[in-house]
N, C-alpha and C. Protein backbone atom coordinates (compact mmCIF):
# COMPACT_ATOMS: atom_id res chain seq x y z
N GLY A 1 0.81 -1.45 -0.26
CA GLY A 1 -0.17 0.04 -0.27
C GLY A 1 0.77 1.05 -0.01
N GLU A 2 0.11 2.42 -0.02
CA GLU A 2 0.90 3.56 0.12
C GLU A 2 1.33 4.04 1.56
N THR A 3 2.39 4.49 1.30
CA THR A 3 2.93 5.45 2.85
C THR A 3 2.34 6.43 3.37
N SER A 4 2.02 6.57 4.73
CA SER A 4 1.19 7.66 4.99
C SER A 4 1.93 8.31 6.35
N VAL A 5 2.42 9.60 6.48
CA VAL A 5 2.88 10.23 7.81
C VAL A 5 2.19 11.36 8.05
N ARG A 6 2.21 11.39 9.59
CA ARG A 6 1.48 12.17 10.42
C ARG A 6 2.39 12.54 11.18
N ILE A 7 2.63 14.05 11.42
CA ILE A 7 3.71 14.41 12.56
C ILE A 7 2.72 14.71 13.57
N LEU A 8 3.06 14.04 14.75
CA LEU A 8 2.27 14.71 15.75
C LEU A 8 2.44 15.53 16.81
N THR A 9 3.43 16.61 16.66
CA THR A 9 3.38 17.69 17.47
C THR A 9 3.67 18.78 16.27
N SER A 10 3.77 19.57 17.01
CA SER A 10 3.81 20.83 16.13
C SER A 10 5.36 21.28 15.61
N VAL A 11 5.97 21.76 14.50
CA VAL A 11 7.25 21.63 14.08
C VAL A 11 7.27 23.20 13.28
N ARG A 12 6.80 24.19 13.78
CA ARG A 12 6.40 25.40 13.64
C ARG A 12 7.48 25.99 13.68
N GLU A 13 8.42 26.65 12.91
CA GLU A 13 9.97 27.42 13.60
C GLU A 13 10.94 26.59 14.32
N LYS A 14 10.85 25.23 14.17
CA LYS A 14 11.56 23.94 14.64
C LYS A 14 12.69 23.60 13.99
N ASP A 15 13.78 23.30 13.99
CA ASP A 15 14.72 22.42 13.40
C ASP A 15 14.66 20.91 13.64
N VAL A 16 14.56 20.53 12.80
CA VAL A 16 13.51 19.36 12.58
C VAL A 16 14.93 18.20 12.10
N PHE A 17 15.04 17.07 12.54
CA PHE A 17 16.20 16.04 12.42
C PHE A 17 15.87 15.30 12.60
N ILE A 18 15.77 14.38 11.32
CA ILE A 18 14.85 13.17 10.91
C ILE A 18 15.80 12.18 10.31
N VAL A 19 16.15 10.89 11.37
CA VAL A 19 16.81 9.93 11.51
C VAL A 19 16.20 8.73 10.68
N GLN A 20 16.89 8.29 9.74
CA GLN A 20 16.42 7.45 9.07
C GLN A 20 17.59 6.31 8.35
N SER A 21 17.47 5.09 9.34
CA SER A 21 18.40 4.35 8.93
C SER A 21 18.27 3.20 7.97
N GLY A 22 17.46 3.23 7.27
CA GLY A 22 17.02 2.46 6.36
C GLY A 22 16.54 0.98 6.60
N SER A 23 16.11 0.03 5.61
CA SER A 23 15.71 -1.08 5.86
C SER A 23 16.01 -1.88 4.60
N PRO A 24 15.63 -3.31 4.96
CA PRO A 24 15.57 -3.90 3.53
C PRO A 24 14.87 -3.54 2.64
N LYS A 25 13.92 -2.68 2.92
CA LYS A 25 12.50 -2.51 1.58
C LYS A 25 13.32 -0.83 1.57
N VAL A 26 14.46 -0.71 0.82
CA VAL A 26 15.09 0.16 0.37
C VAL A 26 14.04 1.64 -0.21
N ASN A 27 13.36 1.18 -0.94
CA ASN A 27 12.16 2.08 -1.80
C ASN A 27 11.33 2.72 -0.83
N ASP A 28 10.79 2.01 -0.10
CA ASP A 28 9.83 2.02 0.88
C ASP A 28 10.12 3.49 1.89
N THR A 29 11.55 2.81 2.68
CA THR A 29 12.35 3.50 3.42
C THR A 29 12.89 5.28 2.63
N ILE A 30 12.78 5.16 1.39
CA ILE A 30 12.80 6.38 0.75
C ILE A 30 11.59 7.35 0.74
N MET A 31 10.83 6.76 0.55
CA MET A 31 9.41 7.39 0.21
C MET A 31 9.25 7.76 1.61
N GLU A 32 9.44 7.13 2.72
CA GLU A 32 8.90 7.75 4.18
C GLU A 32 9.67 8.69 4.28
N LEU A 33 10.70 8.99 4.01
CA LEU A 33 11.84 10.33 4.35
C LEU A 33 11.81 11.65 3.43
N LEU A 34 11.13 10.76 2.54
CA LEU A 34 10.57 12.32 1.82
C LEU A 34 9.06 12.82 2.20
N ILE A 35 8.50 12.03 2.11
CA ILE A 35 6.98 12.05 3.03
C ILE A 35 7.56 12.96 4.35
N MET A 36 7.98 12.67 5.05
CA MET A 36 8.04 12.96 6.33
C MET A 36 8.94 14.72 6.11
N ILE A 37 9.73 14.81 5.23
CA ILE A 37 10.62 15.76 4.91
C ILE A 37 9.59 16.61 4.59
N SER A 38 8.62 16.21 3.44
CA SER A 38 7.52 17.20 3.15
C SER A 38 6.43 17.63 4.30
N ALA A 39 5.95 16.68 4.83
CA ALA A 39 5.17 16.87 5.89
C ALA A 39 5.73 17.98 6.86
N CYS A 40 7.06 17.97 7.30
CA CYS A 40 7.90 19.11 8.18
C CYS A 40 7.41 20.46 7.46
N LYS A 41 8.07 20.78 5.96
CA LYS A 41 8.01 21.73 5.56
C LYS A 41 6.64 22.16 5.48
N GLY A 42 5.82 21.53 5.57
CA GLY A 42 4.45 21.61 5.21
C GLY A 42 3.80 22.40 6.53
N GLY A 43 4.29 21.62 7.30
CA GLY A 43 3.87 22.14 9.01
C GLY A 43 4.85 23.19 9.35
N SER A 44 5.43 24.30 8.52
CA SER A 44 6.45 25.14 8.74
C SER A 44 7.37 25.00 9.73
N ALA A 45 8.21 23.90 9.38
CA ALA A 45 9.29 23.73 10.21
C ALA A 45 10.78 24.56 9.36
N ASN A 46 11.15 25.47 10.23
CA ASN A 46 12.44 26.14 10.33
C ASN A 46 13.83 25.61 9.06
N LYS A 47 14.33 24.13 9.36
CA LYS A 47 15.18 23.65 8.91
C LYS A 47 15.34 22.22 8.97
N VAL A 48 15.18 21.46 7.97
CA VAL A 48 14.98 19.95 8.31
C VAL A 48 16.21 19.11 7.53
N THR A 49 16.79 18.82 8.69
CA THR A 49 18.12 17.70 8.45
C THR A 49 17.71 16.27 8.62
N ALA A 50 18.17 15.84 7.63
CA ALA A 50 18.24 14.25 6.95
C ALA A 50 19.35 13.92 7.59
N VAL A 51 19.53 12.61 8.89
CA VAL A 51 20.33 11.87 9.28
C VAL A 51 20.38 10.77 8.76
N LEU A 52 21.05 10.06 7.45
CA LEU A 52 21.02 9.33 7.39
C LEU A 52 22.49 8.23 7.60
N PRO A 53 22.30 7.24 8.15
CA PRO A 53 23.69 6.64 8.46
C PRO A 53 24.15 5.78 7.37
N TYR A 54 23.07 5.40 6.42
CA TYR A 54 23.42 4.73 5.58
C TYR A 54 22.55 5.44 3.94
N PHE A 55 23.33 5.92 3.75
CA PHE A 55 22.98 6.61 2.17
C PHE A 55 22.56 5.82 1.15
N PRO A 56 20.54 5.10 0.81
CA PRO A 56 20.62 4.35 0.07
C PRO A 56 20.98 5.15 -1.49
N TYR A 57 21.58 4.13 -2.02
CA TYR A 57 21.98 4.06 -3.50
C TYR A 57 23.28 4.59 -3.87
N SER A 58 23.92 4.81 -2.66
CA SER A 58 25.23 5.56 -2.63
C SER A 58 26.18 4.48 -3.54
N ARG A 59 25.68 3.57 -4.44
CA ARG A 59 27.16 2.73 -4.82
C ARG A 59 26.62 3.07 -6.55
N GLN A 60 25.25 3.85 -6.67
CA GLN A 60 25.19 3.91 -7.66
C GLN A 60 25.32 5.49 -8.15
N SER A 61 26.54 5.90 -7.82
CA SER A 61 27.38 7.56 -8.28
C SER A 61 27.69 8.01 -9.33
N LYS A 62 27.71 6.86 -9.94
CA LYS A 62 28.25 7.32 -11.74
C LYS A 62 27.36 6.45 -12.37
N LYS A 63 27.59 6.83 -13.65
CA LYS A 63 27.05 5.92 -14.77
C LYS A 63 27.67 4.54 -15.22
N LYS A 64 26.74 3.29 -15.25
CA LYS A 64 27.62 2.35 -15.08
C LYS A 64 27.49 1.83 -16.82
N SER A 65 26.61 2.27 -17.48
CA SER A 65 26.35 1.74 -19.10
C SER A 65 25.62 3.19 -19.59
N HIS A 66 25.95 3.30 -20.75
CA HIS A 66 25.51 4.49 -21.84
C HIS A 66 24.37 5.02 -21.33
N ARG A 67 23.27 4.09 -21.00
CA ARG A 67 22.14 4.99 -20.84
C ARG A 67 21.91 4.45 -19.30
N GLY A 68 22.65 4.40 -18.80
CA GLY A 68 22.58 4.16 -17.05
C GLY A 68 22.14 5.47 -16.27
N ALA A 69 21.27 5.39 -15.69
CA ALA A 69 21.15 6.68 -14.19
C ALA A 69 22.19 6.76 -13.42
N ILE A 70 22.16 8.15 -12.73
CA ILE A 70 22.97 8.71 -11.68
C ILE A 70 22.16 8.41 -10.72
N THR A 71 22.00 6.72 -9.95
CA THR A 71 20.77 7.33 -9.18
C THR A 71 20.74 7.66 -7.81
N ALA A 72 22.07 7.81 -7.08
CA ALA A 72 22.38 8.55 -6.20
C ALA A 72 22.37 10.29 -6.27
N ARG A 73 22.56 10.80 -7.47
CA ARG A 73 22.22 11.83 -7.89
C ARG A 73 20.63 12.09 -7.79
N MET A 74 20.30 11.34 -8.52
CA MET A 74 18.35 11.67 -8.57
C MET A 74 17.56 11.71 -7.53
N LEU A 75 18.42 10.90 -6.37
CA LEU A 75 17.77 10.75 -4.86
C LEU A 75 18.16 11.86 -4.01
N ALA A 76 19.59 12.67 -4.33
CA ALA A 76 19.95 13.99 -3.96
C ALA A 76 19.00 15.25 -4.52
N ASN A 77 18.64 14.84 -5.75
CA ASN A 77 17.55 15.98 -6.34
C ASN A 77 16.13 15.72 -5.38
N LEU A 78 15.54 14.92 -5.46
CA LEU A 78 14.68 14.52 -4.60
C LEU A 78 14.53 15.14 -3.27
N LEU A 79 15.65 14.77 -2.42
CA LEU A 79 15.67 15.32 -1.25
C LEU A 79 15.76 16.67 -0.96
N THR A 80 15.94 17.31 -2.22
CA THR A 80 16.50 18.97 -2.37
C THR A 80 14.87 19.24 -2.54
N MET A 81 14.36 18.95 -3.53
CA MET A 81 12.75 19.16 -4.00
C MET A 81 12.23 18.75 -2.64
N ALA A 82 11.91 18.03 -1.59
CA ALA A 82 11.46 17.67 -0.73
C ALA A 82 11.24 18.75 0.43
N GLY A 83 12.71 19.53 -0.10
CA GLY A 83 12.48 20.43 1.41
C GLY A 83 14.06 19.93 2.43
N ILE A 84 14.85 19.35 1.96
CA ILE A 84 15.94 19.04 3.07
C ILE A 84 17.13 20.19 2.80
N LYS A 85 17.49 20.93 3.70
CA LYS A 85 18.44 21.66 4.02
C LYS A 85 19.62 21.55 4.35
N HIS A 86 19.86 19.96 4.96
CA HIS A 86 21.42 19.41 5.51
C HIS A 86 21.23 18.13 5.74
N VAL A 87 22.35 17.32 5.24
CA VAL A 87 22.08 15.91 5.51
C VAL A 87 23.62 15.79 6.03
N ILE A 88 23.34 14.55 7.10
CA ILE A 88 24.23 13.94 7.74
C ILE A 88 24.16 12.74 7.72
N THR A 89 25.48 11.95 7.03
CA THR A 89 25.67 10.70 6.68
C THR A 89 26.54 9.76 7.08
N VAL A 90 26.96 8.69 7.02
CA VAL A 90 28.54 7.85 7.62
C VAL A 90 29.06 7.28 6.21
N ASP A 91 30.05 7.48 6.05
CA ASP A 91 31.06 7.22 5.16
C ASP A 91 30.20 6.73 3.68
N LEU A 92 30.02 7.47 3.02
CA LEU A 92 29.66 7.84 1.65
C LEU A 92 30.58 6.77 1.09
N HIS A 93 29.79 6.09 -0.07
CA HIS A 93 30.85 4.97 -0.79
C HIS A 93 31.46 5.89 -1.82
N ALA A 94 31.26 6.93 -2.15
CA ALA A 94 32.09 7.98 -3.10
C ALA A 94 31.75 9.48 -2.60
N THR A 95 32.89 10.23 -2.04
CA THR A 95 32.54 11.46 -1.29
C THR A 95 32.53 12.33 -2.27
N GLN A 96 32.76 12.21 -3.66
CA GLN A 96 32.12 13.30 -4.96
C GLN A 96 30.33 13.54 -4.78
N MET A 97 29.64 11.98 -3.84
CA MET A 97 28.18 12.41 -3.65
C MET A 97 28.22 13.99 -3.20
N GLN A 98 28.75 14.26 -2.04
CA GLN A 98 28.69 15.20 -1.79
C GLN A 98 28.37 16.76 -2.49
N GLY A 99 28.88 16.64 -3.46
CA GLY A 99 28.69 17.62 -4.96
C GLY A 99 26.94 17.50 -5.58
N PHE A 100 26.26 16.26 -5.20
CA PHE A 100 25.38 16.31 -6.03
C PHE A 100 24.02 16.99 -5.04
N PHE A 101 24.50 17.52 -3.71
CA PHE A 101 23.18 18.40 -3.13
C PHE A 101 23.87 19.91 -3.26
N LYS A 102 22.81 20.68 -3.07
CA LYS A 102 22.52 22.08 -2.85
C LYS A 102 22.97 22.67 -1.19
N CYS A 103 22.39 21.60 -0.82
CA CYS A 103 22.80 22.25 0.64
C CYS A 103 23.88 21.31 1.46
N PRO A 104 24.15 21.95 2.39
CA PRO A 104 25.37 21.14 3.14
C PRO A 104 25.63 19.75 3.33
N VAL A 105 26.42 19.14 3.45
CA VAL A 105 26.31 17.28 3.72
C VAL A 105 27.71 16.99 4.74
N ASP A 106 27.38 16.21 5.86
CA ASP A 106 28.51 16.07 6.30
C ASP A 106 28.61 14.27 6.83
N ASN A 107 29.47 13.87 5.50
CA ASN A 107 29.85 12.75 5.79
C ASN A 107 30.68 12.42 6.88
N LEU A 108 30.08 11.80 7.74
CA LEU A 108 31.35 11.50 9.58
C LEU A 108 31.72 10.51 8.74
N HIS A 109 32.86 9.88 9.45
CA HIS A 109 33.71 8.69 9.34
C HIS A 109 33.63 7.77 10.15
N ALA A 110 33.23 6.59 10.45
CA ALA A 110 33.11 5.62 11.30
C ALA A 110 34.64 4.95 12.07
N GLU A 111 35.68 5.26 11.31
CA GLU A 111 36.91 4.97 11.46
C GLU A 111 37.43 4.72 12.75
N PRO A 112 37.44 6.03 13.56
CA PRO A 112 37.52 6.46 14.67
C PRO A 112 36.79 5.53 15.88
N LEU A 113 35.48 5.18 15.41
CA LEU A 113 34.33 4.51 16.73
C LEU A 113 34.87 3.04 16.23
N ILE A 114 35.24 2.52 14.93
CA ILE A 114 35.90 1.08 14.75
C ILE A 114 36.66 0.80 15.41
N ALA A 115 38.08 1.78 15.31
CA ALA A 115 39.19 1.52 15.84
C ALA A 115 39.34 1.15 17.24
N ARG A 116 38.49 2.35 18.01
CA ARG A 116 38.16 2.02 19.21
C ARG A 116 37.66 1.10 19.88
N TRP A 117 36.42 0.63 19.38
CA TRP A 117 35.51 -0.99 19.36
C TRP A 117 36.57 -2.11 19.49
N ILE A 118 37.26 -2.18 18.37
CA ILE A 118 38.25 -3.16 18.13
C ILE A 118 39.34 -3.31 19.49
N ARG A 119 39.85 -1.93 19.75
CA ARG A 119 40.75 -2.24 20.52
C ARG A 119 40.45 -2.47 22.18
N HIS A 120 39.12 -2.43 22.17
CA HIS A 120 38.25 -2.62 23.74
C HIS A 120 37.93 -3.80 23.87
N ASN A 121 37.50 -4.09 22.41
CA ASN A 121 36.52 -5.68 22.29
C ASN A 121 37.15 -6.74 21.77
N VAL A 122 38.14 -6.84 20.85
CA VAL A 122 38.86 -7.87 20.15
C VAL A 122 40.07 -8.29 20.90
N ALA A 123 39.77 -9.75 21.47
CA ALA A 123 40.91 -10.43 21.91
C ALA A 123 42.12 -10.20 20.88
N ASN A 124 43.51 -9.96 21.35
CA ASN A 124 44.48 -10.42 20.64
C ASN A 124 44.19 -9.89 19.01
N TRP A 125 43.75 -8.15 19.42
CA TRP A 125 43.49 -7.71 17.86
C TRP A 125 44.86 -6.99 17.69
N LYS A 126 45.91 -6.96 18.33
CA LYS A 126 46.95 -6.60 17.60
C LYS A 126 47.68 -7.70 16.87
N GLU A 127 47.37 -8.92 16.96
CA GLU A 127 47.71 -9.95 15.49
C GLU A 127 46.95 -10.12 14.62
N ALA A 128 46.08 -9.38 14.46
CA ALA A 128 45.31 -9.24 13.39
C ALA A 128 45.97 -8.38 12.40
N VAL A 129 45.25 -8.84 10.82
CA VAL A 129 45.56 -8.16 9.70
C VAL A 129 43.96 -7.50 9.23
N VAL A 130 44.09 -6.38 8.86
CA VAL A 130 42.48 -5.77 8.21
C VAL A 130 42.34 -6.17 6.66
N VAL A 131 41.43 -6.84 6.39
CA VAL A 131 41.33 -6.96 5.11
C VAL A 131 40.29 -6.51 4.01
N SER A 132 40.59 -5.80 3.04
CA SER A 132 39.60 -5.23 2.10
C SER A 132 39.22 -6.49 1.20
N LYS A 133 37.72 -6.72 1.02
CA LYS A 133 37.24 -7.44 -0.30
C LYS A 133 37.36 -7.38 -1.50
N ASN A 134 38.03 -5.65 -1.91
CA ASN A 134 38.36 -5.66 -2.96
C ASN A 134 38.79 -4.49 -3.14
N ALA A 135 39.34 -3.77 -4.51
CA ALA A 135 40.51 -2.83 -4.41
C ALA A 135 39.55 -1.69 -4.07
N GLY A 136 38.08 -1.28 -4.30
CA GLY A 136 37.65 -0.33 -3.97
C GLY A 136 37.68 0.14 -2.15
N GLY A 137 37.92 -1.03 -1.95
CA GLY A 137 37.79 -0.53 -0.29
C GLY A 137 39.41 -0.56 0.35
N THR A 138 40.40 -0.56 -0.34
CA THR A 138 41.67 -0.10 0.06
C THR A 138 41.82 0.93 1.06
N LYS A 139 41.22 2.00 0.55
CA LYS A 139 41.63 3.44 1.10
C LYS A 139 41.32 3.36 2.53
N ARG A 140 39.61 2.70 2.57
CA ARG A 140 39.62 2.67 3.76
C ARG A 140 40.03 1.34 4.68
N VAL A 141 40.64 0.28 4.26
CA VAL A 141 41.33 -0.47 4.95
C VAL A 141 42.66 -0.08 5.57
N THR A 142 43.51 0.45 4.46
CA THR A 142 44.50 1.12 4.97
C THR A 142 44.63 1.96 5.95
N SER A 143 43.88 2.97 5.79
CA SER A 143 43.15 4.32 6.89
C SER A 143 43.00 3.46 8.30
N LEU A 144 42.14 2.43 8.34
CA LEU A 144 41.75 1.73 9.71
C LEU A 144 42.94 0.85 10.33
N ALA A 145 44.01 0.07 9.18
CA ALA A 145 45.26 -0.26 9.76
C ALA A 145 46.03 0.50 10.27
N ASP A 146 46.07 1.71 9.28
CA ASP A 146 47.50 2.76 9.84
C ASP A 146 46.54 3.17 11.63
N ALA A 147 45.20 3.30 11.50
CA ALA A 147 45.05 3.62 12.90
C ALA A 147 45.44 2.53 14.14
N LEU A 148 44.52 1.53 13.59
CA LEU A 148 45.37 0.39 14.88
C LEU A 148 46.81 0.00 14.56
N LYS A 149 47.62 0.49 13.55
CA LYS A 149 49.15 -0.07 13.50
C LYS A 149 48.92 -1.37 13.09
N LEU A 150 48.49 -1.89 12.29
CA LEU A 150 47.94 -3.52 11.83
C LEU A 150 48.58 -3.10 10.25
N ASN A 151 48.60 -4.69 10.09
CA ASN A 151 48.82 -4.96 8.51
C ASN A 151 47.61 -5.05 7.83
N PHE A 152 47.84 -4.73 6.50
CA PHE A 152 46.30 -4.89 5.80
C PHE A 152 46.66 -5.66 4.61
N GLY A 153 45.70 -6.19 4.13
CA GLY A 153 45.92 -6.85 2.83
C GLY A 153 44.54 -6.75 2.05
N MET A 154 44.05 -7.23 0.96
CA MET A 154 43.33 -7.49 -0.23
C MET A 154 42.72 -8.65 -0.75
N VAL A 155 41.50 -9.03 -0.99
CA VAL A 155 40.92 -10.23 -2.00
C VAL A 155 40.86 -9.46 -3.13
N THR A 156 41.17 -9.86 -3.78
CA THR A 156 40.93 -10.10 -5.25
C THR A 156 40.03 -11.09 -5.98
N THR A 157 39.03 -10.70 -6.71
CA THR A 157 38.36 -11.98 -7.53
C THR A 157 38.40 -11.86 -8.82
N GLU A 158 38.78 -12.56 -9.65
CA GLU A 158 38.79 -12.32 -11.08
C GLU A 158 37.47 -13.57 -11.34
N LYS A 159 36.51 -13.13 -12.15
CA LYS A 159 35.85 -13.89 -12.58
C LYS A 159 35.74 -14.21 -14.49
N LYS A 160 35.75 -15.49 -14.72
CA LYS A 160 35.81 -15.71 -16.23
C LYS A 160 34.88 -16.89 -16.24
N LYS A 161 34.40 -17.12 -17.83
CA LYS A 161 33.91 -18.39 -18.38
C LYS A 161 34.98 -18.90 -19.09
N HIS A 162 34.89 -20.23 -18.58
CA HIS A 162 35.80 -21.41 -19.11
C HIS A 162 35.57 -22.41 -19.42
N ARG A 163 34.90 -22.85 -20.99
CA ARG A 163 33.96 -23.89 -21.15
C ARG A 163 32.96 -24.08 -21.03
N GLY A 164 32.00 -22.80 -20.85
CA GLY A 164 30.83 -22.78 -20.64
C GLY A 164 30.50 -22.30 -19.03
N ALA A 165 31.34 -22.79 -17.98
CA ALA A 165 31.39 -22.91 -16.88
C ALA A 165 31.89 -21.38 -16.11
N ASN A 166 31.11 -21.05 -15.39
CA ASN A 166 31.78 -19.73 -14.59
C ASN A 166 32.71 -20.17 -13.58
N MET A 167 34.02 -19.19 -13.73
CA MET A 167 35.07 -19.70 -12.70
C MET A 167 35.40 -18.02 -12.16
N SER A 168 36.03 -18.55 -11.08
CA SER A 168 36.12 -17.53 -10.49
C SER A 168 37.61 -17.99 -9.55
N ALA A 169 38.47 -16.63 -9.18
CA ALA A 169 39.90 -17.25 -8.56
C ALA A 169 40.03 -15.94 -7.85
N SER A 170 40.13 -16.23 -6.46
CA SER A 170 40.21 -15.21 -5.40
C SER A 170 41.99 -15.40 -5.27
N VAL A 171 42.49 -14.59 -4.85
CA VAL A 171 43.93 -14.25 -4.39
C VAL A 171 43.72 -13.13 -3.27
N ILE A 172 44.19 -13.07 -2.14
CA ILE A 172 44.80 -12.77 -0.99
C ILE A 172 45.93 -11.97 -1.13
N MET A 173 46.27 -10.73 -0.85
CA MET A 173 47.52 -10.07 -1.22
C MET A 173 47.96 -9.11 -0.02
N GLY A 174 48.76 -9.40 0.57
CA GLY A 174 49.28 -7.86 1.30
C GLY A 174 50.18 -8.42 2.39
N HIS A 175 50.35 -7.69 3.72
CA HIS A 175 51.56 -7.98 4.44
C HIS A 175 50.66 -8.79 5.30
N LEU A 176 50.48 -10.39 5.50
CA LEU A 176 49.90 -11.43 6.25
C LEU A 176 50.73 -12.04 7.08
N HIS A 177 51.89 -11.70 7.68
CA HIS A 177 52.97 -12.54 8.30
C HIS A 177 52.00 -12.88 9.64
N SER A 178 51.08 -12.04 10.04
CA SER A 178 50.26 -12.37 11.18
C SER A 178 49.41 -13.68 11.18
N PHE A 179 48.86 -14.37 9.90
CA PHE A 179 48.65 -15.67 9.97
C PHE A 179 49.27 -16.85 10.23
N ASN A 180 48.99 -17.90 11.09
CA ASN A 180 49.84 -18.95 10.96
C ASN A 180 50.01 -20.09 10.05
N ARG A 181 49.43 -19.55 8.54
CA ARG A 181 49.39 -20.24 7.20
C ARG A 181 49.57 -19.58 6.26
N GLU A 182 49.43 -19.91 4.72
CA GLU A 182 50.51 -19.53 4.15
C GLU A 182 49.19 -18.92 3.22
N PRO A 183 49.64 -17.50 2.29
CA PRO A 183 48.14 -16.72 1.67
C PRO A 183 47.68 -17.99 0.53
N VAL A 184 46.20 -17.93 0.69
CA VAL A 184 45.25 -19.32 -0.17
C VAL A 184 44.87 -18.39 -1.40
N LEU A 185 45.35 -19.37 -2.60
CA LEU A 185 44.78 -19.30 -3.51
C LEU A 185 43.30 -19.92 -4.01
N GLU A 186 42.41 -19.45 -3.89
CA GLU A 186 41.05 -20.35 -4.28
C GLU A 186 40.28 -20.73 -5.57
N SER A 187 40.05 -21.63 -5.85
CA SER A 187 39.28 -21.08 -7.25
C SER A 187 38.09 -21.91 -7.22
N SER A 188 37.05 -21.72 -7.98
CA SER A 188 35.60 -22.91 -7.49
C SER A 188 35.27 -22.74 -9.11
N ALA A 189 34.20 -23.22 -9.61
CA ALA A 189 33.64 -23.29 -10.64
C ALA A 189 32.10 -23.66 -10.35
N THR A 190 31.31 -23.35 -11.02
CA THR A 190 29.61 -23.46 -11.13
C THR A 190 29.58 -23.25 -12.48
N SER A 191 28.37 -23.86 -12.82
CA SER A 191 27.92 -23.92 -14.09
C SER A 191 26.30 -23.62 -14.19
């Protein structure tokens, strides 16, 4: 069904912060957010700030095909049209997304909190290696590894077709001397 939102208190002349943490139903979450922003603006809110720990469609910040859409930019435009005046988010997939908005965007970084949590909650953390699952995450992984003074690594996966079967090979690279085993080359085939 359709989403309906009612603001149960006066927001007139108030600065409103809407925290939308997301859900598996990302499109429903977006509509809820847009409707809440519009309802607050319609209720004469002074300023509406969206607090989005996860920014939906952030991985779609550039064209992936000739006729593809830049969905993250479209969402920024929708938020602006709804009346947003400020966005707070955490670790945008691509920092250039901040330029999609006509309002201020605070892109907070979780790394200091994650590093502190690891130090206090992970036994033997000084023996760990921080690993990125792909080349795109290398910058974040090296930053976290530097903060913890740990080694880092990266897993790369190459996918190919061979005789009609999908093949993939994963290679672990990096400073992995903390491990008690040799780096692993893993491959598998699926049909």
